[in-house]
Full PDB file with SEQRES, HELIX, SHEET, SSBOND, CRYST1, ORIGX, SCALE, CONECT and MASTER records, all heavy atoms in Angstrom:
SEQRES   1 A   39  GLY TYR HIS TRP LEU LEU PHE GLN GLU GLY LYS GLY MET          
SEQRES   2 A   39  PHE CYS ILE ILE CYS ARG LYS HIS ASP THR ILE ASN PRO          
SEQRES   3 A   39  GLN ASN LYS SER LYS LYS PHE ASN THR GLU PRO SER VAL          
HELIX    1 AA1 ILE A   16  HIS A   21  1                                   6    
SHEET    1 AA1 2 LEU A   5  GLN A   8  0                                        
SHEET    2 AA1 2 GLY A  12  CYS A  15 -1                                        
CRYST1    1.000    1.000    1.000  90.00  90.00  90.00 P 1           1          
ORIGX1      1.000000  0.000000  0.000000        0.00000                         
ORIGX2      0.000000  1.000000  0.000000        0.00000                         
ORIGX3      0.000000  0.000000  1.000000        0.00000                         
SCALE1      1.000000  0.000000  0.000000        0.00000                         
SCALE2      0.000000  1.000000  0.000000        0.00000                         
SCALE3      0.000000  0.000000  1.000000        0.00000                         
ATOM      1  N   GLY A   1      50.352  82.950-155.612  1.00  0.00           N  
ATOM      2  CA  GLY A   1      50.987  82.774-156.912  1.00  0.00           C  
ATOM      3  C   GLY A   1      52.498  82.860-156.863  1.00  0.00           C  
ATOM      4  O   GLY A   1      53.155  82.993-157.904  1.00  0.00           O  
ATOM      5  N   TYR A   2      53.085  82.790-155.664  1.00  0.00           N  
ATOM      6  CA  TYR A   2      54.543  82.883-155.513  1.00  0.00           C  
ATOM      7  C   TYR A   2      55.173  81.496-155.453  1.00  0.00           C  
ATOM      8  O   TYR A   2      54.678  80.602-154.737  1.00  0.00           O  
ATOM      9  CB  TYR A   2      54.895  83.639-154.221  1.00  0.00           C  
ATOM     10  CG  TYR A   2      54.972  85.132-154.376  1.00  0.00           C  
ATOM     11  CD1 TYR A   2      53.962  85.950-153.877  1.00  0.00           C  
ATOM     12  CD2 TYR A   2      56.059  85.731-154.992  1.00  0.00           C  
ATOM     13  CE1 TYR A   2      54.027  87.329-153.997  1.00  0.00           C  
ATOM     14  CE2 TYR A   2      56.140  87.109-155.121  1.00  0.00           C  
ATOM     15  CZ  TYR A   2      55.124  87.910-154.618  1.00  0.00           C  
ATOM     16  OH  TYR A   2      55.201  89.264-154.753  1.00  0.00           O  
ATOM     17  N   HIS A   3      56.277  81.332-156.178  1.00  0.00           N  
ATOM     18  CA  HIS A   3      57.218  80.232-155.918  1.00  0.00           C  
ATOM     19  C   HIS A   3      58.156  80.775-154.835  1.00  0.00           C  
ATOM     20  O   HIS A   3      59.148  81.441-155.123  1.00  0.00           O  
ATOM     21  CB  HIS A   3      58.002  79.868-157.190  1.00  0.00           C  
ATOM     22  CG  HIS A   3      57.143  79.286-158.265  1.00  0.00           C  
ATOM     23  ND1 HIS A   3      56.885  77.936-158.367  1.00  0.00           N  
ATOM     24  CD2 HIS A   3      56.460  79.883-159.280  1.00  0.00           C  
ATOM     25  CE1 HIS A   3      56.097  77.713-159.403  1.00  0.00           C  
ATOM     26  NE2 HIS A   3      55.828  78.881-159.985  1.00  0.00           N  
ATOM     27  N   TRP A   4      57.808  80.506-153.604  1.00  0.00           N  
ATOM     28  CA  TRP A   4      58.409  81.266-152.499  1.00  0.00           C  
ATOM     29  C   TRP A   4      59.787  80.783-152.052  1.00  0.00           C  
ATOM     30  O   TRP A   4      60.535  81.526-151.418  1.00  0.00           O  
ATOM     31  CB  TRP A   4      57.467  81.264-151.291  1.00  0.00           C  
ATOM     32  CG  TRP A   4      57.036  79.894-150.811  1.00  0.00           C  
ATOM     33  CD1 TRP A   4      55.917  79.237-151.147  1.00  0.00           C  
ATOM     34  CD2 TRP A   4      57.741  79.056-149.887  1.00  0.00           C  
ATOM     35  NE1 TRP A   4      55.850  78.019-150.514  1.00  0.00           N  
ATOM     36  CE2 TRP A   4      56.959  77.898-149.716  1.00  0.00           C  
ATOM     37  CE3 TRP A   4      58.937  79.155-149.183  1.00  0.00           C  
ATOM     38  CZ2 TRP A   4      57.344  76.848-148.886  1.00  0.00           C  
ATOM     39  CZ3 TRP A   4      59.323  78.123-148.345  1.00  0.00           C  
ATOM     40  CH2 TRP A   4      58.531  76.989-148.211  1.00  0.00           C  
ATOM     41  N   LEU A   5      60.172  79.547-152.366  1.00  0.00           N  
ATOM     42  CA  LEU A   5      61.434  79.008-151.861  1.00  0.00           C  
ATOM     43  C   LEU A   5      62.615  79.516-152.677  1.00  0.00           C  
ATOM     44  O   LEU A   5      62.629  79.411-153.903  1.00  0.00           O  
ATOM     45  CB  LEU A   5      61.403  77.481-151.876  1.00  0.00           C  
ATOM     46  CG  LEU A   5      62.654  76.790-151.320  1.00  0.00           C  
ATOM     47  CD1 LEU A   5      62.847  77.149-149.839  1.00  0.00           C  
ATOM     48  CD2 LEU A   5      62.554  75.273-151.495  1.00  0.00           C  
ATOM     49  N   LEU A   6      63.619  80.071-151.996  1.00  0.00           N  
ATOM     50  CA  LEU A   6      64.873  80.532-152.606  1.00  0.00           C  
ATOM     51  C   LEU A   6      66.042  79.888-151.877  1.00  0.00           C  
ATOM     52  O   LEU A   6      65.937  79.538-150.694  1.00  0.00           O  
ATOM     53  CB  LEU A   6      64.998  82.057-152.529  1.00  0.00           C  
ATOM     54  CG  LEU A   6      63.830  82.909-153.028  1.00  0.00           C  
ATOM     55  CD1 LEU A   6      64.144  84.375-152.805  1.00  0.00           C  
ATOM     56  CD2 LEU A   6      63.579  82.652-154.495  1.00  0.00           C  
ATOM     57  N   PHE A   7      67.160  79.757-152.591  1.00  0.00           N  
ATOM     58  CA  PHE A   7      68.377  79.254-151.958  1.00  0.00           C  
ATOM     59  C   PHE A   7      69.540  80.141-152.352  1.00  0.00           C  
ATOM     60  O   PHE A   7      69.844  80.310-153.538  1.00  0.00           O  
ATOM     61  CB  PHE A   7      68.665  77.811-152.384  1.00  0.00           C  
ATOM     62  CG  PHE A   7      69.913  77.255-151.752  1.00  0.00           C  
ATOM     63  CD1 PHE A   7      69.897  76.772-150.456  1.00  0.00           C  
ATOM     64  CD2 PHE A   7      71.117  77.218-152.456  1.00  0.00           C  
ATOM     65  CE1 PHE A   7      71.049  76.269-149.867  1.00  0.00           C  
ATOM     66  CE2 PHE A   7      72.267  76.714-151.887  1.00  0.00           C  
ATOM     67  CZ  PHE A   7      72.235  76.240-150.580  1.00  0.00           C  
ATOM     68  N   GLN A   8      70.183  80.725-151.342  1.00  0.00           N  
ATOM     69  CA  GLN A   8      71.356  81.572-151.586  1.00  0.00           C  
ATOM     70  C   GLN A   8      72.606  80.782-151.242  1.00  0.00           C  
ATOM     71  O   GLN A   8      72.761  80.272-150.123  1.00  0.00           O  
ATOM     72  CB  GLN A   8      71.290  82.847-150.741  1.00  0.00           C  
ATOM     73  CG  GLN A   8      72.452  83.794-151.002  1.00  0.00           C  
ATOM     74  CD  GLN A   8      72.337  85.086-150.200  1.00  0.00           C  
ATOM     75  OE1 GLN A   8      71.359  85.298-149.479  1.00  0.00           O  
ATOM     76  NE2 GLN A   8      73.325  85.946-150.340  1.00  0.00           N  
ATOM     77  N   GLU A   9      73.490  80.665-152.198  1.00  0.00           N  
ATOM     78  CA  GLU A   9      74.710  79.885-151.990  1.00  0.00           C  
ATOM     79  C   GLU A   9      75.567  80.520-150.903  1.00  0.00           C  
ATOM     80  O   GLU A   9      75.737  81.739-150.850  1.00  0.00           O  
ATOM     81  CB  GLU A   9      75.501  79.773-153.298  1.00  0.00           C  
ATOM     82  CG  GLU A   9      74.793  78.945-154.360  1.00  0.00           C  
ATOM     83  CD  GLU A   9      75.730  78.555-155.494  1.00  0.00           C  
ATOM     84  OE1 GLU A   9      76.908  78.955-155.423  1.00  0.00           O  
ATOM     85  OE2 GLU A   9      75.294  77.859-156.425  1.00  0.00           O  
ATOM     86  N   GLY A  10      76.086  79.655-150.069  1.00  0.00           N  
ATOM     87  CA  GLY A  10      76.916  80.111-148.964  1.00  0.00           C  
ATOM     88  C   GLY A  10      76.114  80.470-147.719  1.00  0.00           C  
ATOM     89  O   GLY A  10      76.702  80.715-146.667  1.00  0.00           O  
ATOM     90  N   LYS A  11      74.783  80.498-147.828  1.00  0.00           N  
ATOM     91  CA  LYS A  11      73.958  80.854-146.661  1.00  0.00           C  
ATOM     92  C   LYS A  11      72.904  79.797-146.370  1.00  0.00           C  
ATOM     93  O   LYS A  11      73.026  79.024-145.438  1.00  0.00           O  
ATOM     94  CB  LYS A  11      73.333  82.225-146.874  1.00  0.00           C  
ATOM     95  CG  LYS A  11      74.348  83.363-146.829  1.00  0.00           C  
ATOM     96  CD  LYS A  11      73.671  84.718-146.726  1.00  0.00           C  
ATOM     97  CE  LYS A  11      74.718  85.818-146.557  1.00  0.00           C  
ATOM     98  NZ  LYS A  11      74.091  87.148-146.401  1.00  0.00           N  
ATOM     99  N   GLY A  12      71.809  79.782-147.144  1.00  0.00           N  
ATOM    100  CA  GLY A  12      70.765  78.808-146.868  1.00  0.00           C  
ATOM    101  C   GLY A  12      69.476  79.148-147.582  1.00  0.00           C  
ATOM    102  O   GLY A  12      69.459  79.866-148.592  1.00  0.00           O  
ATOM    103  N   MET A  13      68.356  78.649-147.042  1.00  0.00           N  
ATOM    104  CA  MET A  13      67.044  78.784-147.663  1.00  0.00           C  
ATOM    105  C   MET A  13      66.320  80.034-147.162  1.00  0.00           C  
ATOM    106  O   MET A  13      66.432  80.402-145.987  1.00  0.00           O  
ATOM    107  CB  MET A  13      66.187  77.547-147.366  1.00  0.00           C  
ATOM    108  CG  MET A  13      66.770  76.243-147.900  1.00  0.00           C  
ATOM    109  SD  MET A  13      65.690  74.828-147.597  1.00  0.00           S  
ATOM    110  CE  MET A  13      65.762  74.720-145.800  1.00  0.00           C  
ATOM    111  N   PHE A  14      65.561  80.654-148.052  1.00  0.00           N  
ATOM    112  CA  PHE A  14      64.768  81.838-147.720  1.00  0.00           C  
ATOM    113  C   PHE A  14      63.362  81.681-148.294  1.00  0.00           C  
ATOM    114  O   PHE A  14      63.134  80.891-149.225  1.00  0.00           O  
ATOM    115  CB  PHE A  14      65.403  83.112-148.286  1.00  0.00           C  
ATOM    116  CG  PHE A  14      66.712  83.481-147.655  1.00  0.00           C  
ATOM    117  CD1 PHE A  14      67.919  83.027-148.197  1.00  0.00           C  
ATOM    118  CD2 PHE A  14      66.746  84.273-146.508  1.00  0.00           C  
ATOM    119  CE1 PHE A  14      69.125  83.366-147.612  1.00  0.00           C  
ATOM    120  CE2 PHE A  14      67.958  84.610-145.924  1.00  0.00           C  
ATOM    121  CZ  PHE A  14      69.147  84.155-146.482  1.00  0.00           C  
ATOM    122  N   CYS A  15      62.440  82.477-147.744  1.00  0.00           N  
ATOM    123  CA  CYS A  15      61.070  82.553-148.249  1.00  0.00           C  
ATOM    124  C   CYS A  15      60.839  83.981-148.731  1.00  0.00           C  
ATOM    125  O   CYS A  15      60.941  84.935-147.955  1.00  0.00           O  
ATOM    126  CB  CYS A  15      60.057  82.173-147.172  1.00  0.00           C  
ATOM    127  SG  CYS A  15      58.344  82.450-147.646  1.00  0.00           S  
ATOM    128  N   ILE A  16      60.524  84.131-150.026  1.00  0.00           N  
ATOM    129  CA  ILE A  16      60.389  85.462-150.592  1.00  0.00           C  
ATOM    130  C   ILE A  16      59.171  86.201-150.017  1.00  0.00           C  
ATOM    131  O   ILE A  16      59.177  87.425-149.881  1.00  0.00           O  
ATOM    132  CB  ILE A  16      60.288  85.383-152.137  1.00  0.00           C  
ATOM    133  CG1 ILE A  16      60.443  86.771-152.758  1.00  0.00           C  
ATOM    134  CG2 ILE A  16      59.000  84.710-152.555  1.00  0.00           C  
ATOM    135  CD1 ILE A  16      61.785  87.402-152.527  1.00  0.00           C  
ATOM    136  N   ILE A  17      58.120  85.474-149.643  1.00  0.00           N  
ATOM    137  CA  ILE A  17      56.930  86.130-149.083  1.00  0.00           C  
ATOM    138  C   ILE A  17      57.213  86.636-147.670  1.00  0.00           C  
ATOM    139  O   ILE A  17      56.855  87.768-147.320  1.00  0.00           O  
ATOM    140  CB  ILE A  17      55.721  85.165-149.074  1.00  0.00           C  
ATOM    141  CG1 ILE A  17      55.525  84.532-150.442  1.00  0.00           C  
ATOM    142  CG2 ILE A  17      54.453  85.892-148.658  1.00  0.00           C  
ATOM    143  CD1 ILE A  17      54.392  83.525-150.487  1.00  0.00           C  
ATOM    144  N   CYS A  18      57.864  85.810-146.858  1.00  0.00           N  
ATOM    145  CA  CYS A  18      58.220  86.242-145.500  1.00  0.00           C  
ATOM    146  C   CYS A  18      59.218  87.393-145.543  1.00  0.00           C  
ATOM    147  O   CYS A  18      59.177  88.295-144.690  1.00  0.00           O  
ATOM    148  CB  CYS A  18      58.800  85.077-144.710  1.00  0.00           C  
ATOM    149  SG  CYS A  18      57.626  83.748-144.379  1.00  0.00           S  
ATOM    150  N   ARG A  19      60.099  87.361-146.542  1.00  0.00           N  
ATOM    151  CA  ARG A  19      61.087  88.431-146.678  1.00  0.00           C  
ATOM    152  C   ARG A  19      60.405  89.740-147.085  1.00  0.00           C  
ATOM    153  O   ARG A  19      60.766  90.819-146.602  1.00  0.00           O  
ATOM    154  CB  ARG A  19      62.116  88.016-147.738  1.00  0.00           C  
ATOM    155  CG  ARG A  19      63.368  88.878-147.795  1.00  0.00           C  
ATOM    156  CD  ARG A  19      64.284  88.604-146.615  1.00  0.00           C  
ATOM    157  NE  ARG A  19      65.518  89.350-146.733  1.00  0.00           N  
ATOM    158  CZ  ARG A  19      66.653  88.845-147.233  1.00  0.00           C  
ATOM    159  NH1 ARG A  19      66.679  87.595-147.664  1.00  0.00           N  
ATOM    160  NH2 ARG A  19      67.752  89.570-147.299  1.00  0.00           N  
ATOM    161  N   LYS A  20      59.403  89.636-147.940  1.00  0.00           N  
ATOM    162  CA  LYS A  20      58.708  90.829-148.424  1.00  0.00           C  
ATOM    163  C   LYS A  20      57.962  91.522-147.297  1.00  0.00           C  
ATOM    164  O   LYS A  20      58.000  92.758-147.184  1.00  0.00           O  
ATOM    165  CB  LYS A  20      57.734  90.438-149.542  1.00  0.00           C  
ATOM    166  CG  LYS A  20      56.915  91.600-150.087  1.00  0.00           C  
ATOM    167  CD  LYS A  20      55.973  91.147-151.182  1.00  0.00           C  
ATOM    168  CE  LYS A  20      55.142  92.321-151.702  1.00  0.00           C  
ATOM    169  NZ  LYS A  20      54.193  91.890-152.780  1.00  0.00           N  
ATOM    170  N   HIS A  21      57.285  90.746-146.454  1.00  0.00           N  
ATOM    171  CA  HIS A  21      56.455  91.337-145.404  1.00  0.00           C  
ATOM    172  C   HIS A  21      57.125  91.298-144.030  1.00  0.00           C  
ATOM    173  O   HIS A  21      56.496  91.677-143.035  1.00  0.00           O  
ATOM    174  CB  HIS A  21      55.106  90.625-145.341  1.00  0.00           C  
ATOM    175  CG  HIS A  21      54.305  90.775-146.603  1.00  0.00           C  
ATOM    176  ND1 HIS A  21      53.610  91.926-146.900  1.00  0.00           N  
ATOM    177  CD2 HIS A  21      54.109  89.923-147.666  1.00  0.00           C  
ATOM    178  CE1 HIS A  21      53.007  91.783-148.074  1.00  0.00           C  
ATOM    179  NE2 HIS A  21      53.304  90.594-148.561  1.00  0.00           N  
ATOM    180  N   ASP A  22      58.371  90.846-143.978  1.00  0.00           N  
ATOM    181  CA  ASP A  22      59.182  90.890-142.757  1.00  0.00           C  
ATOM    182  C   ASP A  22      58.449  90.277-141.566  1.00  0.00           C  
ATOM    183  O   ASP A  22      58.333  90.871-140.501  1.00  0.00           O  
ATOM    184  CB  ASP A  22      59.568  92.340-142.436  1.00  0.00           C  
ATOM    185  CG  ASP A  22      60.683  92.411-141.406  1.00  0.00           C  
ATOM    186  OD1 ASP A  22      61.473  91.453-141.318  1.00  0.00           O  
ATOM    187  OD2 ASP A  22      60.752  93.419-140.665  1.00  0.00           O  
ATOM    188  N   THR A  23      57.941  89.069-141.734  1.00  0.00           N  
ATOM    189  CA  THR A  23      57.245  88.384-140.650  1.00  0.00           C  
ATOM    190  C   THR A  23      58.239  87.638-139.777  1.00  0.00           C  
ATOM    191  O   THR A  23      59.324  87.263-140.217  1.00  0.00           O  
ATOM    192  CB  THR A  23      56.212  87.393-141.205  1.00  0.00           C  
ATOM    193  OG1 THR A  23      56.856  86.504-142.125  1.00  0.00           O  
ATOM    194  CG2 THR A  23      55.088  88.139-141.910  1.00  0.00           C  
ATOM    195  N   ILE A  24      57.826  87.406-138.529  1.00  0.00           N  
ATOM    196  CA  ILE A  24      58.704  86.727-137.571  1.00  0.00           C  
ATOM    197  C   ILE A  24      57.975  85.530-136.984  1.00  0.00           C  
ATOM    198  O   ILE A  24      56.751  85.426-137.046  1.00  0.00           O  
ATOM    199  CB  ILE A  24      59.146  87.673-136.434  1.00  0.00           C  
ATOM    200  CG1 ILE A  24      57.925  88.167-135.645  1.00  0.00           C  
ATOM    201  CG2 ILE A  24      59.934  88.840-136.977  1.00  0.00           C  
ATOM    202  CD1 ILE A  24      58.284  88.997-134.435  1.00  0.00           C  
ATOM    203  N   ASN A  25      58.746  84.642-136.398  1.00  0.00           N  
ATOM    204  CA  ASN A  25      58.169  83.496-135.702  1.00  0.00           C  
ATOM    205  C   ASN A  25      57.518  83.989-134.411  1.00  0.00           C  
ATOM    206  O   ASN A  25      58.202  84.541-133.548  1.00  0.00           O  
ATOM    207  CB  ASN A  25      59.266  82.475-135.382  1.00  0.00           C  
ATOM    208  CG  ASN A  25      58.711  81.170-134.860  1.00  0.00           C  
ATOM    209  OD1 ASN A  25      57.730  81.144-134.132  1.00  0.00           O  
ATOM    210  ND2 ASN A  25      59.358  80.079-135.236  1.00  0.00           N  
ATOM    211  N   PRO A  26      56.201  83.833-134.224  1.00  0.00           N  
ATOM    212  CA  PRO A  26      55.541  84.374-133.029  1.00  0.00           C  
ATOM    213  C   PRO A  26      55.949  83.689-131.733  1.00  0.00           C  
ATOM    214  O   PRO A  26      55.737  84.230-130.654  1.00  0.00           O  
ATOM    215  CB  PRO A  26      54.043  84.146-133.320  1.00  0.00           C  
ATOM    216  CG  PRO A  26      54.012  83.007-134.292  1.00  0.00           C  
ATOM    217  CD  PRO A  26      55.254  83.142-135.113  1.00  0.00           C  
ATOM    218  N   GLN A  27      56.574  82.520-131.828  1.00  0.00           N  
ATOM    219  CA  GLN A  27      56.948  81.793-130.620  1.00  0.00           C  
ATOM    220  C   GLN A  27      58.296  82.241-130.076  1.00  0.00           C  
ATOM    221  O   GLN A  27      58.420  82.619-128.912  1.00  0.00           O  
ATOM    222  CB  GLN A  27      56.953  80.285-130.905  1.00  0.00           C  
ATOM    223  CG  GLN A  27      55.571  79.746-131.297  1.00  0.00           C  
ATOM    224  CD  GLN A  27      55.615  78.278-131.634  1.00  0.00           C  
ATOM    225  OE1 GLN A  27      56.689  77.688-131.775  1.00  0.00           O  
ATOM    226  NE2 GLN A  27      54.441  77.665-131.787  1.00  0.00           N  
ATOM    227  N   ASN A  28      59.323  82.207-130.919  1.00  0.00           N  
ATOM    228  CA  ASN A  28      60.671  82.571-130.449  1.00  0.00           C  
ATOM    229  C   ASN A  28      61.185  83.881-131.041  1.00  0.00           C  
ATOM    230  O   ASN A  28      62.335  84.251-130.840  1.00  0.00           O  
ATOM    231  CB  ASN A  28      61.660  81.450-130.764  1.00  0.00           C  
ATOM    232  CG  ASN A  28      61.665  81.089-132.246  1.00  0.00           C  
ATOM    233  OD1 ASN A  28      61.179  81.851-133.091  1.00  0.00           O  
ATOM    234  ND2 ASN A  28      62.211  79.921-132.560  1.00  0.00           N  
ATOM    235  N   LYS A  29      60.309  84.584-131.803  1.00  0.00           N  
ATOM    236  CA  LYS A  29      60.653  85.894-132.379  1.00  0.00           C  
ATOM    237  C   LYS A  29      61.837  85.842-133.342  1.00  0.00           C  
ATOM    238  O   LYS A  29      62.470  86.867-133.612  1.00  0.00           O  
ATOM    239  CB  LYS A  29      60.942  86.919-131.264  1.00  0.00           C  
ATOM    240  CG  LYS A  29      59.865  87.042-130.209  1.00  0.00           C  
ATOM    241  CD  LYS A  29      58.531  87.421-130.797  1.00  0.00           C  
ATOM    242  CE  LYS A  29      57.451  87.513-129.728  1.00  0.00           C  
ATOM    243  NZ  LYS A  29      56.123  87.825-130.288  1.00  0.00           N  
ATOM    244  N   SER A  30      62.138  84.679-133.877  1.00  0.00           N  
ATOM    245  CA  SER A  30      63.239  84.568-134.839  1.00  0.00           C  
ATOM    246  C   SER A  30      62.740  84.920-136.243  1.00  0.00           C  
ATOM    247  O   SER A  30      61.540  84.977-136.503  1.00  0.00           O  
ATOM    248  CB  SER A  30      63.813  83.149-134.834  1.00  0.00           C  
ATOM    249  OG  SER A  30      62.868  82.232-135.376  1.00  0.00           O  
ATOM    250  N   LYS A  31      63.696  85.134-137.157  1.00  0.00           N  
ATOM    251  CA  LYS A  31      63.361  85.502-138.529  1.00  0.00           C  
ATOM    252  C   LYS A  31      63.926  84.489-139.522  1.00  0.00           C  
ATOM    253  O   LYS A  31      64.454  84.845-140.565  1.00  0.00           O  
ATOM    254  CB  LYS A  31      63.887  86.902-138.851  1.00  0.00           C  
ATOM    255  CG  LYS A  31      63.136  88.011-138.134  1.00  0.00           C  
ATOM    256  CD  LYS A  31      63.525  89.377-138.677  1.00  0.00           C  
ATOM    257  CE  LYS A  31      62.679  90.475-138.070  1.00  0.00           C  
ATOM    258  NZ  LYS A  31      62.973  91.802-138.664  1.00  0.00           N  
ATOM    259  N   LYS A  32      63.784  83.208-139.179  1.00  0.00           N  
ATOM    260  CA  LYS A  32      64.199  82.159-140.091  1.00  0.00           C  
ATOM    261  C   LYS A  32      63.376  82.240-141.369  1.00  0.00           C  
ATOM    262  O   LYS A  32      62.177  82.534-141.337  1.00  0.00           O  
ATOM    263  CB  LYS A  32      64.002  80.783-139.446  1.00  0.00           C  
ATOM    264  CG  LYS A  32      64.951  80.480-138.304  1.00  0.00           C  
ATOM    265  CD  LYS A  32      66.383  80.287-138.801  1.00  0.00           C  
ATOM    266  CE  LYS A  32      67.304  79.890-137.646  1.00  0.00           C  
ATOM    267  NZ  LYS A  32      68.691  79.739-138.088  1.00  0.00           N  
ATOM    268  N   PHE A  33      64.016  81.975-142.499  1.00  0.00           N  
ATOM    269  CA  PHE A  33      63.417  82.082-143.827  1.00  0.00           C  
ATOM    270  C   PHE A  33      63.134  83.537-144.212  1.00  0.00           C  
ATOM    271  O   PHE A  33      62.640  83.789-145.295  1.00  0.00           O  
ATOM    272  CB  PHE A  33      62.116  81.271-143.933  1.00  0.00           C  
ATOM    273  CG  PHE A  33      62.329  79.802-144.128  1.00  0.00           C  
ATOM    274  CD1 PHE A  33      62.336  78.937-143.049  1.00  0.00           C  
ATOM    275  CD2 PHE A  33      62.526  79.291-145.396  1.00  0.00           C  
ATOM    276  CE1 PHE A  33      62.530  77.576-143.227  1.00  0.00           C  
ATOM    277  CE2 PHE A  33      62.711  77.921-145.589  1.00  0.00           C  
ATOM    278  CZ  PHE A  33      62.722  77.067-144.488  1.00  0.00           C  
ATOM    279  N   ASN A  34      63.438  84.476-143.335  1.00  0.00           N  
ATOM    280  CA  ASN A  34      63.213  85.895-143.629  1.00  0.00           C  
ATOM    281  C   ASN A  34      64.565  86.560-143.851  1.00  0.00           C  
ATOM    282  O   ASN A  34      65.103  86.532-144.947  1.00  0.00           O  
ATOM    283  CB  ASN A  34      62.430  86.532-142.495  1.00  0.00           C  
ATOM    284  CG  ASN A  34      62.157  88.000-142.714  1.00  0.00           C  
ATOM    285  OD1 ASN A  34      62.534  88.562-143.728  1.00  0.00           O  
ATOM    286  ND2 ASN A  34      61.524  88.637-141.768  1.00  0.00           N  
ATOM    287  N   THR A  35      65.133  87.158-142.832  1.00  0.00           N  
ATOM    288  CA  THR A  35      66.476  87.719-142.948  1.00  0.00           C  
ATOM    289  C   THR A  35      67.539  86.721-142.485  1.00  0.00           C  
ATOM    290  O   THR A  35      68.719  86.881-142.812  1.00  0.00           O  
ATOM    291  CB  THR A  35      66.585  89.001-142.111  1.00  0.00           C  
ATOM    292  OG1 THR A  35      66.204  88.718-140.757  1.00  0.00           O  
ATOM    293  CG2 THR A  35      65.682  90.087-142.679  1.00  0.00           C  
ATOM    294  N   GLU A  36      67.102  85.706-141.723  1.00  0.00           N  
ATOM    295  CA  GLU A  36      68.017  84.652-141.280  1.00  0.00           C  
ATOM    296  C   GLU A  36      67.780  83.407-142.131  1.00  0.00           C  
ATOM    297  O   GLU A  36      66.649  82.945-142.257  1.00  0.00           O  
ATOM    298  CB  GLU A  36      67.774  84.322-139.807  1.00  0.00           C  
ATOM    299  CG  GLU A  36      67.954  85.500-138.863  1.00  0.00           C  
ATOM    300  CD  GLU A  36      67.571  85.132-137.448  1.00  0.00           C  
ATOM    301  OE1 GLU A  36      67.364  83.930-137.184  1.00  0.00           O  
ATOM    302  OE2 GLU A  36      67.473  86.043-136.607  1.00  0.00           O  
ATOM    303  N   PRO A  37      68.833  82.864-142.736  1.00  0.00           N  
ATOM    304  CA  PRO A  37      68.653  81.673-143.584  1.00  0.00           C  
ATOM    305  C   PRO A  37      68.381  80.430-142.745  1.00  0.00           C  
ATOM    306  O   PRO A  37      68.834  80.311-141.610  1.00  0.00           O  
ATOM    307  CB  PRO A  37      69.988  81.566-144.317  1.00  0.00           C  
ATOM    308  CG  PRO A  37      70.980  82.188-143.370  1.00  0.00           C  
ATOM    309  CD  PRO A  37      70.241  83.302-142.681  1.00  0.00           C  
ATOM    310  N   SER A  38      67.622  79.527-143.317  1.00  0.00           N  
ATOM    311  CA  SER A  38      67.404  78.226-142.684  1.00  0.00           C  
ATOM    312  C   SER A  38      68.432  77.243-143.246  1.00  0.00           C  
ATOM    313  O   SER A  38      68.547  77.075-144.458  1.00  0.00           O  
ATOM    314  CB  SER A  38      65.984  77.736-142.967  1.00  0.00           C  
ATOM    315  OG  SER A  38      65.811  76.422-142.465  1.00  0.00           O  
ATOM    316  N   VAL A  39      69.179  76.619-142.351  1.00  0.00           N  
ATOM    317  CA  VAL A  39      70.258  75.721-142.774  1.00  0.00           C  
ATOM    318  C   VAL A  39      69.941  74.267-142.451  1.00  0.00           C  
ATOM    319  O   VAL A  39      70.818  73.403-142.518  1.00  0.00           O  
ATOM    320  CB  VAL A  39      71.589  76.133-142.116  1.00  0.00           C  
ATOM    321  CG1 VAL A  39      72.023  77.497-142.624  1.00  0.00           C  
ATOM    322  CG2 VAL A  39      71.464  76.146-140.595  1.00  0.00           C  
TER     323      VAL A  39                                                      
MASTER        0    0    0    1    2    0    0    6  322    1    0    3          
END                                                                             
């Protein structure tokens, strides 16, 4: 039930669900869409 896509000006795109549960990319261990914005 989440509208998960967010955009922070000056940074990039985030996912509110990934940010809430602090998930990481299992392949490269990055935190894109979490604490690191996707540009």
